């Protein structure tokens, strides 16, 4: 089966529960093609209308460390400030970092 969309990253991935977005956090223990040591949380739009093979990047944020795990969950408060839920990352240093994807995309 042929790939219909993609992003060339060494990343942990989480899908938004109620929106057409995908979060990618720089994976722990992986080396990218540029041998960069940076760590980022990136959000891509799942755009299936476009003929472009690459998913469009809509947000990027540096992170304190690389990711072991990444999860995107709903926020049960019903608050418009957290309409896209929250993204939580289990980091290499043992910390858990949490982001509001709505503020990153804006």
Protein backbone atom coordinates (compact mmCIF):
# COMPACT_ATOMS: atom_id res chain seq x y z
CA UNK A 1 0.00 0.00 0.00
CA UNK A 2 1.36 3.42 -0.94
CA UNK A 3 1.95 6.17 1.60
CA UNK A 4 -0.51 9.03 1.04
CA UNK A 5 1.09 11.64 3.35
CA UNK A 6 4.24 11.84 5.42
CA UNK A 7 6.86 13.79 7.32
CA UNK A 8 10.55 12.86 7.40
CA UNK A 9 11.33 13.02 11.14
CA UNK A 10 12.80 10.81 13.86
CA UNK A 11 9.95 11.49 16.23
CA UNK A 12 7.46 10.23 18.76
CA UNK A 13 3.98 10.90 17.40
CA UNK A 14 0.52 11.63 18.80
CA UNK A 15 -2.72 12.35 16.94
CA UNK A 16 -5.17 15.02 18.08
CA UNK A 17 -8.34 13.34 19.39
CA UNK A 18 -10.82 15.80 17.84
CA UNK A 19 -8.93 17.80 15.23
CA UNK A 20 -6.91 17.16 12.05
CA UNK A 21 -3.48 17.55 13.66
CA UNK A 22 -0.46 15.38 14.41
CA UNK A 23 2.18 16.20 17.04
CA UNK A 24 5.79 15.06 16.59
CA UNK A 25 8.42 15.28 19.32
CA UNK A 26 12.11 14.75 18.59
CA UNK A 27 12.78 11.12 19.52
CA UNK A 28 15.27 10.20 22.22
CA UNK A 29 18.28 8.24 21.04
CA UNK A 30 17.78 9.06 17.36
CA UNK A 31 20.07 11.06 15.09
CA UNK A 32 18.55 13.06 12.26
CA UNK A 33 20.14 13.65 8.86
CA UNK A 34 21.73 16.95 9.99
CA UNK A 35 23.15 15.43 13.21
CA UNK A 36 21.34 18.11 15.19
CA UNK A 37 21.11 17.80 18.97
CA UNK A 38 18.06 20.09 19.22
CA UNK A 39 14.71 18.95 20.54
CA UNK A 40 11.37 20.26 19.28
CA UNK A 41 7.66 19.70 19.48
CA UNK A 42 6.13 20.17 16.03
CA UNK A 43 2.48 20.16 15.00
CA UNK A 44 1.43 19.23 11.48
CA UNK A 45 -1.97 19.65 9.84
CA UNK A 46 -3.50 16.48 8.41
CA UNK A 47 -4.46 18.05 5.10
CA UNK A 48 -5.89 15.42 2.76
CA UNK A 49 -7.27 18.02 0.32
CA UNK A 50 -3.81 18.96 -0.95
CA UNK A 51 -1.92 16.85 -3.49
CA UNK A 52 1.35 17.59 -1.65
CA UNK A 53 2.89 14.44 -0.13
CA UNK A 54 4.38 16.40 2.82
CA UNK A 55 2.16 17.44 5.74
CA UNK A 56 2.24 21.22 6.40
CA UNK A 57 3.97 22.36 9.60
CA UNK A 58 1.66 24.70 11.54
CA UNK A 59 3.56 25.08 14.84
CA UNK A 60 6.99 24.46 16.29
CA UNK A 61 8.30 24.88 19.81
CA UNK A 62 11.70 24.04 21.30
CA UNK A 63 11.52 21.54 24.16
CA UNK A 64 13.70 21.11 27.22
CA UNK A 65 14.83 17.64 26.13
CA UNK A 66 14.05 14.85 23.66
CA UNK A 67 10.94 12.70 23.94
CA UNK A 68 10.51 9.12 25.14
CA UNK A 69 6.70 9.29 24.80
CA UNK A 70 4.11 11.71 23.46
CA UNK A 71 0.36 11.80 24.06
CA UNK A 72 -2.42 14.17 22.95
CA UNK A 73 -5.53 14.09 25.12
CA UNK A 74 -8.84 15.84 25.47
CA UNK A 75 -9.44 18.42 28.15
CA UNK A 76 -12.63 17.70 30.04
CA UNK A 77 -13.08 21.25 31.34
CA UNK A 78 -14.91 22.47 28.24
CA UNK A 79 -12.79 25.64 28.29
CA UNK A 80 -12.23 27.36 24.95
CA UNK A 81 -8.64 28.05 26.07
CA UNK A 82 -7.97 24.31 25.78
CA UNK A 83 -10.23 23.52 22.81
CA UNK A 84 -7.59 21.23 21.24
CA UNK A 85 -6.78 19.47 24.51
CA UNK A 86 -3.26 19.09 25.88
CA UNK A 87 -0.06 17.48 24.60
CA UNK A 88 2.06 15.69 27.21
CA UNK A 89 5.60 14.51 26.65
CA UNK A 90 7.62 12.06 28.70
CA UNK A 91 11.11 13.50 28.40
CA UNK A 92 14.52 11.79 28.47
CA UNK A 93 15.44 13.52 31.74
CA UNK A 94 12.41 12.00 33.49
CA UNK A 95 10.26 15.13 33.44
CA UNK A 96 6.78 15.36 31.99
CA UNK A 97 6.18 18.53 29.98
CA UNK A 98 2.69 19.70 28.97
CA UNK A 99 1.75 22.06 26.13
CA UNK A 100 -1.44 23.74 25.01
CA UNK A 101 -1.43 23.07 21.23
CA UNK A 102 -3.99 25.82 20.62
CA UNK A 103 -1.51 28.50 21.75
CA UNK A 104 1.26 26.96 19.62
CA UNK A 105 -0.87 26.89 16.45
CA UNK A 106 -2.05 30.47 16.86
